[in-house]
Amino acid sequence: MSLTQDSNLQQPSYELYDPEMVTQDTADAHVLLVRLLPAFARQQVGAYYEAAYKRIRVFGEKSIENNKRIRFSKVHTIPEDCDADKLKGQFQEGSITIIIPKKPKELEPAQEQEATKQVIATPQKSTSEVGSEDADMKNGEKGVSEEKPKSEMEKSKESESEPDQEQEAA
């Protein structure tokens, strides 16, 4: 190989660039804004979600002069209260905006305890009320029977004695 061929194969030198990253929390989303040099085009930047680490990586690379390139890589950890599966990104000249919606809020522990107290504090019915409920159950309403389950033998004895009772009534 000649010396001229070696210089053509020379690796490019890289200049690292650290773009400004701004985060903002709103009521329903976490917003990430990465401000870039205006020289970066859409084809020269990208972003991807690293699910294993629950983070977003924003990156880019651009040629600036003979055998020189400028590049960047920024990482942002996704907050626990956000739903990374629904994130959306947008490139506008000079910036990348990533919107990560927040997960719906669940009952706070204090609210859960209050709901439990309300269920426990419900008064129990007396046996006289249970008896009147049996009549309601026959009309299609749901309830809890106070009757003990019968064994197969008890059921067969009852079914044998029922025809005798019907004959006596007739």
N, C-alpha and C. Protein backbone atom coordinates (compact mmCIF):
# COMPACT_ATOMS: atom_id res chain seq x y z
N MET A 1 0.82 -1.19 0.00
CA MET A 1 0.00 0.00 0.00
C MET A 1 0.86 1.25 0.00
N SER A 2 0.38 2.22 -0.68
CA SER A 2 1.13 3.47 -0.71
C SER A 2 0.70 4.38 0.43
N LEU A 3 1.45 5.38 0.66
CA LEU A 3 1.18 6.32 1.74
C LEU A 3 -0.12 7.10 1.51
N THR A 4 -0.46 7.41 0.28
CA THR A 4 -1.70 8.15 -0.01
C THR A 4 -2.93 7.32 0.31
N GLN A 5 -2.88 6.03 0.07
CA GLN A 5 -4.02 5.17 0.38
C GLN A 5 -4.24 5.11 1.89
N ASP A 6 -3.16 5.07 2.67
CA ASP A 6 -3.28 5.03 4.12
C ASP A 6 -3.97 6.29 4.66
N SER A 7 -3.66 7.45 4.11
CA SER A 7 -4.27 8.68 4.60
C SER A 7 -5.76 8.74 4.27
N ASN A 8 -6.19 8.11 3.17
CA ASN A 8 -7.61 8.06 2.82
C ASN A 8 -8.39 7.16 3.77
N LEU A 9 -7.75 6.18 4.36
CA LEU A 9 -8.40 5.25 5.27
C LEU A 9 -8.37 5.72 6.71
N GLN A 10 -7.81 6.88 6.93
CA GLN A 10 -7.68 7.41 8.28
C GLN A 10 -9.06 7.55 8.93
N GLN A 11 -9.15 7.14 10.19
CA GLN A 11 -10.39 7.23 10.95
C GLN A 11 -10.72 8.69 11.23
N PRO A 12 -12.01 9.03 11.22
CA PRO A 12 -12.37 10.42 11.53
C PRO A 12 -12.11 10.73 13.00
N SER A 13 -11.87 11.97 13.28
CA SER A 13 -11.74 12.39 14.68
C SER A 13 -13.11 12.93 15.12
N TYR A 14 -13.41 12.69 16.38
CA TYR A 14 -14.72 13.07 16.91
C TYR A 14 -14.59 14.17 17.95
N GLU A 15 -15.49 15.09 17.85
CA GLU A 15 -15.61 16.15 18.85
C GLU A 15 -16.90 15.86 19.61
N LEU A 16 -16.81 15.79 20.92
CA LEU A 16 -18.00 15.51 21.72
C LEU A 16 -18.77 16.80 21.99
N TYR A 17 -20.05 16.71 21.88
CA TYR A 17 -20.94 17.84 22.08
C TYR A 17 -21.91 17.50 23.21
N ASP A 18 -22.16 18.44 24.10
CA ASP A 18 -23.06 18.21 25.23
C ASP A 18 -24.25 19.16 25.13
N PRO A 19 -25.33 18.71 24.48
CA PRO A 19 -26.48 19.59 24.32
C PRO A 19 -27.19 19.84 25.65
N GLU A 20 -27.88 20.96 25.73
CA GLU A 20 -28.64 21.30 26.93
C GLU A 20 -29.89 20.41 26.99
N MET A 21 -30.14 19.84 28.18
CA MET A 21 -31.33 19.01 28.39
C MET A 21 -32.16 19.64 29.49
N VAL A 22 -33.43 19.89 29.18
CA VAL A 22 -34.35 20.52 30.13
C VAL A 22 -35.51 19.56 30.38
N THR A 23 -35.87 19.37 31.65
CA THR A 23 -37.03 18.53 31.98
C THR A 23 -38.09 19.38 32.66
N GLN A 24 -39.33 18.97 32.43
CA GLN A 24 -40.44 19.69 33.05
C GLN A 24 -41.53 18.68 33.39
N ASP A 25 -42.07 18.78 34.60
CA ASP A 25 -43.19 17.93 35.01
C ASP A 25 -44.47 18.72 34.89
N THR A 26 -45.46 18.13 34.22
CA THR A 26 -46.79 18.72 34.17
C THR A 26 -47.72 17.78 34.93
N ALA A 27 -48.98 18.12 35.00
CA ALA A 27 -49.94 17.29 35.74
C ALA A 27 -50.10 15.91 35.12
N ASP A 28 -49.98 15.82 33.78
CA ASP A 28 -50.23 14.53 33.14
C ASP A 28 -49.05 13.95 32.37
N ALA A 29 -47.88 14.62 32.37
CA ALA A 29 -46.74 14.10 31.62
C ALA A 29 -45.41 14.64 32.16
N HIS A 30 -44.36 13.94 31.77
CA HIS A 30 -42.98 14.36 32.04
C HIS A 30 -42.42 14.74 30.67
N VAL A 31 -41.93 15.96 30.52
CA VAL A 31 -41.47 16.45 29.23
C VAL A 31 -39.95 16.61 29.27
N LEU A 32 -39.30 16.09 28.24
CA LEU A 32 -37.85 16.17 28.10
C LEU A 32 -37.55 16.96 26.83
N LEU A 33 -36.76 18.02 26.94
CA LEU A 33 -36.40 18.84 25.79
C LEU A 33 -34.88 18.85 25.67
N VAL A 34 -34.38 18.44 24.50
CA VAL A 34 -32.94 18.45 24.24
C VAL A 34 -32.70 19.50 23.17
N ARG A 35 -31.95 20.55 23.52
CA ARG A 35 -31.66 21.64 22.58
C ARG A 35 -30.37 21.32 21.84
N LEU A 36 -30.45 21.31 20.51
CA LEU A 36 -29.33 20.93 19.66
C LEU A 36 -28.76 22.14 18.93
N LEU A 37 -27.59 21.93 18.33
CA LEU A 37 -27.05 22.94 17.43
C LEU A 37 -27.96 22.98 16.21
N PRO A 38 -28.21 24.15 15.65
CA PRO A 38 -29.10 24.24 14.49
C PRO A 38 -28.61 23.43 13.28
N ALA A 39 -27.34 23.10 13.25
CA ALA A 39 -26.78 22.38 12.11
C ALA A 39 -27.23 20.92 12.03
N PHE A 40 -27.77 20.36 13.10
CA PHE A 40 -28.21 18.96 13.08
C PHE A 40 -29.53 18.83 12.32
N ALA A 41 -29.55 17.90 11.38
CA ALA A 41 -30.76 17.60 10.61
C ALA A 41 -31.46 16.40 11.23
N ARG A 42 -32.70 16.19 10.86
CA ARG A 42 -33.52 15.08 11.39
C ARG A 42 -32.82 13.73 11.19
N GLN A 43 -32.18 13.53 10.06
CA GLN A 43 -31.53 12.26 9.75
C GLN A 43 -30.27 12.02 10.58
N GLN A 44 -29.80 13.04 11.27
CA GLN A 44 -28.55 12.93 12.02
C GLN A 44 -28.76 12.74 13.52
N VAL A 45 -30.00 12.66 13.95
CA VAL A 45 -30.29 12.49 15.38
C VAL A 45 -31.28 11.34 15.56
N GLY A 46 -31.34 10.84 16.78
CA GLY A 46 -32.28 9.76 17.09
C GLY A 46 -32.47 9.64 18.59
N ALA A 47 -33.41 8.78 18.95
CA ALA A 47 -33.68 8.52 20.36
C ALA A 47 -34.26 7.12 20.47
N TYR A 48 -33.96 6.44 21.55
CA TYR A 48 -34.58 5.14 21.79
C TYR A 48 -34.73 4.90 23.28
N TYR A 49 -35.69 4.03 23.57
CA TYR A 49 -36.03 3.68 24.95
C TYR A 49 -35.28 2.41 25.33
N GLU A 50 -34.50 2.47 26.40
CA GLU A 50 -33.79 1.30 26.92
C GLU A 50 -34.62 0.71 28.05
N ALA A 51 -35.50 -0.23 27.70
CA ALA A 51 -36.47 -0.78 28.66
C ALA A 51 -35.80 -1.42 29.88
N ALA A 52 -34.70 -2.12 29.67
CA ALA A 52 -34.03 -2.81 30.78
C ALA A 52 -33.56 -1.83 31.86
N TYR A 53 -33.25 -0.61 31.44
CA TYR A 53 -32.73 0.39 32.39
C TYR A 53 -33.74 1.50 32.68
N LYS A 54 -34.90 1.43 32.05
CA LYS A 54 -35.95 2.46 32.20
C LYS A 54 -35.39 3.85 31.94
N ARG A 55 -34.78 3.99 30.77
CA ARG A 55 -34.22 5.29 30.42
C ARG A 55 -34.33 5.53 28.91
N ILE A 56 -34.16 6.78 28.54
CA ILE A 56 -34.19 7.19 27.14
C ILE A 56 -32.80 7.68 26.77
N ARG A 57 -32.34 7.29 25.60
CA ARG A 57 -31.05 7.76 25.10
C ARG A 57 -31.33 8.60 23.85
N VAL A 58 -30.82 9.82 23.85
CA VAL A 58 -30.93 10.72 22.70
C VAL A 58 -29.51 10.88 22.16
N PHE A 59 -29.34 10.74 20.84
CA PHE A 59 -27.99 10.75 20.27
C PHE A 59 -27.99 11.42 18.91
N GLY A 60 -26.80 11.77 18.45
CA GLY A 60 -26.66 12.35 17.12
C GLY A 60 -25.21 12.42 16.70
N GLU A 61 -25.02 12.53 15.39
CA GLU A 61 -23.66 12.63 14.84
C GLU A 61 -23.74 13.38 13.52
N LYS A 62 -22.72 14.25 13.26
CA LYS A 62 -22.72 15.07 12.06
C LYS A 62 -21.29 15.37 11.65
N SER A 63 -21.07 15.40 10.35
CA SER A 63 -19.78 15.79 9.80
C SER A 63 -19.64 17.31 9.89
N ILE A 64 -18.48 17.79 10.36
CA ILE A 64 -18.32 19.25 10.44
C ILE A 64 -17.25 19.78 9.49
N GLU A 65 -16.24 18.99 9.20
CA GLU A 65 -15.22 19.36 8.22
C GLU A 65 -14.45 18.10 7.84
N ASN A 66 -13.46 18.22 7.00
CA ASN A 66 -12.72 17.04 6.53
C ASN A 66 -12.30 16.14 7.67
N ASN A 67 -12.83 14.94 7.62
CA ASN A 67 -12.48 13.89 8.57
C ASN A 67 -12.74 14.25 10.04
N LYS A 68 -13.62 15.22 10.26
CA LYS A 68 -14.00 15.59 11.63
C LYS A 68 -15.51 15.46 11.76
N ARG A 69 -15.92 14.94 12.89
CA ARG A 69 -17.34 14.76 13.16
C ARG A 69 -17.65 15.26 14.56
N ILE A 70 -18.88 15.68 14.75
CA ILE A 70 -19.34 16.08 16.07
C ILE A 70 -20.45 15.10 16.46
N ARG A 71 -20.45 14.66 17.70
CA ARG A 71 -21.49 13.72 18.14
C ARG A 71 -21.85 13.95 19.60
N PHE A 72 -23.03 13.41 19.96
CA PHE A 72 -23.49 13.52 21.34
C PHE A 72 -24.33 12.31 21.69
N SER A 73 -24.43 12.07 22.97
CA SER A 73 -25.30 11.01 23.50
C SER A 73 -25.71 11.44 24.91
N LYS A 74 -27.02 11.59 25.11
CA LYS A 74 -27.55 12.00 26.41
C LYS A 74 -28.50 10.92 26.90
N VAL A 75 -28.46 10.65 28.20
CA VAL A 75 -29.32 9.63 28.80
C VAL A 75 -30.19 10.30 29.86
N HIS A 76 -31.46 9.89 29.88
CA HIS A 76 -32.39 10.42 30.88
C HIS A 76 -33.19 9.26 31.46
N THR A 77 -33.17 9.13 32.79
CA THR A 77 -33.94 8.07 33.47
C THR A 77 -35.40 8.49 33.55
N ILE A 78 -36.28 7.55 33.22
CA ILE A 78 -37.72 7.81 33.23
C ILE A 78 -38.24 7.72 34.65
N PRO A 79 -38.97 8.71 35.12
CA PRO A 79 -39.53 8.67 36.48
C PRO A 79 -40.48 7.48 36.65
N GLU A 80 -40.57 6.97 37.86
CA GLU A 80 -41.41 5.80 38.17
C GLU A 80 -42.89 6.03 37.88
N ASP A 81 -43.34 7.27 38.02
CA ASP A 81 -44.77 7.54 37.83
C ASP A 81 -45.16 7.74 36.36
N CYS A 82 -44.23 7.44 35.44
CA CYS A 82 -44.51 7.62 34.01
C CYS A 82 -44.67 6.28 33.30
N ASP A 83 -45.44 6.29 32.21
CA ASP A 83 -45.70 5.10 31.40
C ASP A 83 -44.83 5.17 30.15
N ALA A 84 -43.66 4.55 30.19
CA ALA A 84 -42.71 4.62 29.09
C ALA A 84 -43.23 3.98 27.81
N ASP A 85 -44.18 3.07 27.92
CA ASP A 85 -44.73 2.42 26.73
C ASP A 85 -45.52 3.39 25.86
N LYS A 86 -45.88 4.53 26.41
CA LYS A 86 -46.69 5.50 25.67
C LYS A 86 -45.93 6.78 25.33
N LEU A 87 -44.60 6.76 25.43
CA LEU A 87 -43.85 7.98 25.16
C LEU A 87 -43.90 8.34 23.69
N LYS A 88 -43.77 9.63 23.41
CA LYS A 88 -43.79 10.15 22.04
C LYS A 88 -42.67 11.16 21.90
N GLY A 89 -42.03 11.15 20.73
CA GLY A 89 -40.96 12.09 20.48
C GLY A 89 -41.23 12.91 19.24
N GLN A 90 -40.61 14.09 19.19
CA GLN A 90 -40.80 14.98 18.05
C GLN A 90 -39.51 15.75 17.82
N PHE A 91 -39.10 15.83 16.56
CA PHE A 91 -37.93 16.61 16.20
C PHE A 91 -38.40 17.89 15.53
N GLN A 92 -37.92 19.00 16.04
CA GLN A 92 -38.11 20.29 15.40
C GLN A 92 -36.72 20.87 15.26
N GLU A 93 -36.48 21.56 14.17
CA GLU A 93 -35.14 22.07 13.94
C GLU A 93 -34.58 22.73 15.19
N GLY A 94 -33.49 22.18 15.65
CA GLY A 94 -32.84 22.74 16.84
C GLY A 94 -33.21 22.07 18.15
N SER A 95 -34.20 21.14 18.15
CA SER A 95 -34.54 20.49 19.41
C SER A 95 -35.28 19.17 19.20
N ILE A 96 -35.19 18.34 20.23
CA ILE A 96 -35.95 17.09 20.28
C ILE A 96 -36.80 17.18 21.54
N THR A 97 -38.10 16.93 21.39
CA THR A 97 -39.02 16.95 22.54
C THR A 97 -39.56 15.54 22.72
N ILE A 98 -39.47 15.03 23.94
CA ILE A 98 -40.01 13.70 24.26
C ILE A 98 -41.02 13.88 25.38
N ILE A 99 -42.24 13.38 25.14
CA ILE A 99 -43.32 13.48 26.13
C ILE A 99 -43.61 12.09 26.66
N ILE A 100 -43.52 11.92 27.98
CA ILE A 100 -43.78 10.63 28.62
C ILE A 100 -45.00 10.81 29.52
N PRO A 101 -46.15 10.24 29.12
CA PRO A 101 -47.36 10.39 29.94
C PRO A 101 -47.19 9.76 31.32
N LYS A 102 -47.84 10.35 32.30
CA LYS A 102 -47.81 9.79 33.65
C LYS A 102 -48.84 8.68 33.76
N LYS A 103 -48.55 7.71 34.63
CA LYS A 103 -49.50 6.62 34.89
C LYS A 103 -50.69 7.19 35.65
N PRO A 104 -51.87 6.59 35.47
CA PRO A 104 -53.02 7.05 36.25
C PRO A 104 -52.73 6.86 37.74
N LYS A 105 -53.15 7.84 38.53
CA LYS A 105 -52.88 7.76 39.97
C LYS A 105 -53.78 6.72 40.61
N GLU A 106 -53.19 5.91 41.48
CA GLU A 106 -53.95 4.91 42.23
C GLU A 106 -54.35 5.53 43.56
N LEU A 107 -55.24 4.83 44.27
CA LEU A 107 -55.61 5.31 45.60
C LEU A 107 -54.38 5.38 46.48
N GLU A 108 -54.25 6.45 47.21
CA GLU A 108 -53.14 6.55 48.14
C GLU A 108 -53.41 5.64 49.32
N PRO A 109 -52.38 5.16 50.02
CA PRO A 109 -52.59 4.25 51.15
C PRO A 109 -53.61 4.75 52.16
N ALA A 110 -53.64 6.04 52.46
CA ALA A 110 -54.60 6.57 53.43
C ALA A 110 -56.03 6.39 52.91
N GLN A 111 -56.23 6.59 51.61
CA GLN A 111 -57.56 6.41 51.02
C GLN A 111 -57.95 4.94 51.04
N GLU A 112 -56.99 4.05 50.78
CA GLU A 112 -57.27 2.61 50.81
C GLU A 112 -57.69 2.18 52.21
N GLN A 113 -56.99 2.68 53.23
CA GLN A 113 -57.33 2.34 54.61
C GLN A 113 -58.73 2.84 54.95
N GLU A 114 -59.08 4.03 54.50
CA GLU A 114 -60.41 4.58 54.76
C GLU A 114 -61.48 3.70 54.11
N ALA A 115 -61.23 3.24 52.88
CA ALA A 115 -62.19 2.37 52.20
C ALA A 115 -62.34 1.06 52.98
N THR A 116 -61.25 0.54 53.52
CA THR A 116 -61.31 -0.69 54.31
C THR A 116 -62.10 -0.46 55.58
N LYS A 117 -61.89 0.67 56.24
CA LYS A 117 -62.63 0.97 57.47
C LYS A 117 -64.12 1.04 57.19
N GLN A 118 -64.50 1.61 56.06
CA GLN A 118 -65.91 1.73 55.72
C GLN A 118 -66.54 0.36 55.53
N VAL A 119 -65.84 -0.56 54.93
CA VAL A 119 -66.36 -1.90 54.72
C VAL A 119 -66.51 -2.62 56.05
N ILE A 120 -65.53 -2.48 56.92
CA ILE A 120 -65.56 -3.15 58.22
C ILE A 120 -66.65 -2.55 59.10
N ALA A 121 -66.88 -1.26 59.00
CA ALA A 121 -67.85 -0.58 59.86
C ALA A 121 -69.30 -0.84 59.45
N THR A 122 -69.56 -1.55 58.37
CA THR A 122 -70.93 -1.84 57.95
C THR A 122 -71.59 -2.71 59.00
N PRO A 123 -72.77 -2.31 59.52
CA PRO A 123 -73.43 -3.10 60.57
C PRO A 123 -73.89 -4.45 60.05
N GLN A 124 -73.80 -5.46 60.91
CA GLN A 124 -74.24 -6.80 60.54
C GLN A 124 -75.72 -6.93 60.82
N LYS A 125 -76.41 -7.74 60.04
CA LYS A 125 -77.85 -7.92 60.19
C LYS A 125 -78.14 -8.90 61.32
N SER A 126 -79.23 -8.65 62.01
CA SER A 126 -79.64 -9.58 63.07
C SER A 126 -80.29 -10.79 62.42
N THR A 127 -80.49 -11.85 63.20
CA THR A 127 -81.08 -13.08 62.65
C THR A 127 -82.50 -12.85 62.17
N SER A 128 -83.24 -11.92 62.77
CA SER A 128 -84.60 -11.67 62.31
C SER A 128 -84.58 -11.04 60.92
N GLU A 129 -83.57 -10.21 60.64
CA GLU A 129 -83.46 -9.62 59.30
C GLU A 129 -83.07 -10.66 58.29
N VAL A 130 -82.24 -11.63 58.70
CA VAL A 130 -81.81 -12.69 57.79
C VAL A 130 -83.01 -13.51 57.36
N GLY A 131 -83.91 -13.80 58.27
CA GLY A 131 -85.10 -14.58 57.94
C GLY A 131 -85.96 -13.87 56.92
N SER A 132 -86.12 -12.55 57.06
CA SER A 132 -86.93 -11.81 56.09
C SER A 132 -86.23 -11.73 54.75
N GLU A 133 -84.92 -11.85 54.77
CA GLU A 133 -84.17 -11.81 53.52
C GLU A 133 -84.39 -13.08 52.72
N ASP A 134 -84.67 -14.21 53.40
CA ASP A 134 -84.93 -15.47 52.70
C ASP A 134 -86.11 -15.31 51.76
N ALA A 135 -87.12 -14.60 52.18
CA ALA A 135 -88.29 -14.38 51.32
C ALA A 135 -87.88 -13.54 50.11
N ASP A 136 -87.01 -12.56 50.33
CA ASP A 136 -86.54 -11.74 49.23
C ASP A 136 -85.73 -12.55 48.24
N MET A 137 -84.95 -13.53 48.74
CA MET A 137 -84.12 -14.36 47.87
C MET A 137 -84.99 -15.14 46.90
N LYS A 138 -86.15 -15.57 47.33
CA LYS A 138 -87.04 -16.32 46.46
C LYS A 138 -87.55 -15.44 45.33
N ASN A 139 -87.57 -14.13 45.54
CA ASN A 139 -88.02 -13.20 44.52
C ASN A 139 -86.88 -12.78 43.60
N GLY A 140 -85.75 -13.48 43.65
CA GLY A 140 -84.64 -13.22 42.73
C GLY A 140 -83.55 -12.33 43.28
N GLU A 141 -83.61 -11.92 44.52
CA GLU A 141 -82.55 -11.10 45.07
C GLU A 141 -81.44 -11.98 45.60
N LYS A 142 -80.23 -11.45 45.56
CA LYS A 142 -79.08 -12.22 46.03
C LYS A 142 -78.93 -12.04 47.53
N GLY A 143 -78.45 -13.08 48.18
CA GLY A 143 -78.20 -13.02 49.62
C GLY A 143 -77.38 -14.20 50.05
N VAL A 144 -77.13 -14.32 51.33
CA VAL A 144 -76.36 -15.43 51.87
C VAL A 144 -77.31 -16.29 52.67
N SER A 145 -77.37 -17.55 52.36
CA SER A 145 -78.24 -18.48 53.07
C SER A 145 -77.59 -18.89 54.38
N GLU A 146 -78.38 -18.94 55.43
CA GLU A 146 -77.88 -19.36 56.73
C GLU A 146 -77.96 -20.88 56.87
N GLU A 147 -78.57 -21.55 55.89
CA GLU A 147 -78.74 -23.00 55.95
C GLU A 147 -77.42 -23.69 55.70
N LYS A 148 -77.14 -24.76 56.45
CA LYS A 148 -75.92 -25.52 56.26
C LYS A 148 -76.08 -26.39 55.03
N PRO A 149 -75.01 -26.63 54.29
CA PRO A 149 -75.10 -27.50 53.12
C PRO A 149 -75.46 -28.92 53.54
N LYS A 150 -76.20 -29.59 52.70
CA LYS A 150 -76.64 -30.95 53.02
C LYS A 150 -75.78 -31.95 52.28
N SER A 151 -75.60 -33.10 52.94
CA SER A 151 -74.84 -34.17 52.31
C SER A 151 -75.72 -34.84 51.26
N GLU A 152 -75.11 -35.66 50.43
CA GLU A 152 -75.85 -36.38 49.39
C GLU A 152 -76.89 -37.30 50.02
N MET A 153 -76.57 -37.92 51.17
CA MET A 153 -77.52 -38.83 51.83
C MET A 153 -78.74 -38.06 52.31
N GLU A 154 -78.50 -36.88 52.90
CA GLU A 154 -79.63 -36.08 53.38
C GLU A 154 -80.52 -35.64 52.23
N LYS A 155 -79.89 -35.28 51.11
CA LYS A 155 -80.67 -34.86 49.94
C LYS A 155 -81.52 -36.01 49.42
N SER A 156 -80.93 -37.23 49.35
CA SER A 156 -81.70 -38.37 48.82
C SER A 156 -82.83 -38.75 49.77
N LYS A 157 -82.61 -38.64 51.09
CA LYS A 157 -83.68 -38.93 52.06
C LYS A 157 -84.83 -37.94 51.89
N GLU A 158 -84.50 -36.65 51.70
CA GLU A 158 -85.53 -35.64 51.52
C GLU A 158 -86.33 -35.89 50.26
N SER A 159 -85.64 -36.24 49.18
CA SER A 159 -86.36 -36.46 47.92
C SER A 159 -87.26 -37.68 48.02
N GLU A 160 -86.87 -38.69 48.81
CA GLU A 160 -87.72 -39.87 49.01
C GLU A 160 -88.94 -39.52 49.85
N SER A 161 -88.78 -38.65 50.85
CA SER A 161 -89.89 -38.31 51.74
C SER A 161 -90.83 -37.28 51.12
N GLU A 162 -90.40 -36.51 50.13
CA GLU A 162 -91.24 -35.49 49.51
C GLU A 162 -92.47 -36.08 48.84
N PRO A 163 -92.39 -37.18 48.08
CA PRO A 163 -93.61 -37.73 47.47
C PRO A 163 -94.62 -38.15 48.53
N ASP A 164 -94.14 -38.68 49.68
CA ASP A 164 -95.05 -39.08 50.75
C ASP A 164 -95.80 -37.87 51.28
N GLN A 165 -95.09 -36.73 51.43
CA GLN A 165 -95.71 -35.52 51.96
C GLN A 165 -96.74 -34.98 50.97
N GLU A 166 -96.45 -35.11 49.66
CA GLU A 166 -97.39 -34.63 48.66
C GLU A 166 -98.66 -35.46 48.66
N GLN A 167 -98.52 -36.79 48.88
CA GLN A 167 -99.70 -37.66 48.90
C GLN A 167 -100.56 -37.35 50.11
N GLU A 168 -99.92 -37.08 51.27
CA GLU A 168 -100.67 -36.76 52.48
C GLU A 168 -101.43 -35.46 52.30
N ALA A 169 -100.84 -34.49 51.62
CA ALA A 169 -101.48 -33.20 51.41
C ALA A 169 -102.68 -33.34 50.48
N ALA A 170 -102.63 -34.31 49.57
CA ALA A 170 -103.73 -34.50 48.60
C ALA A 170 -104.84 -35.24 49.21
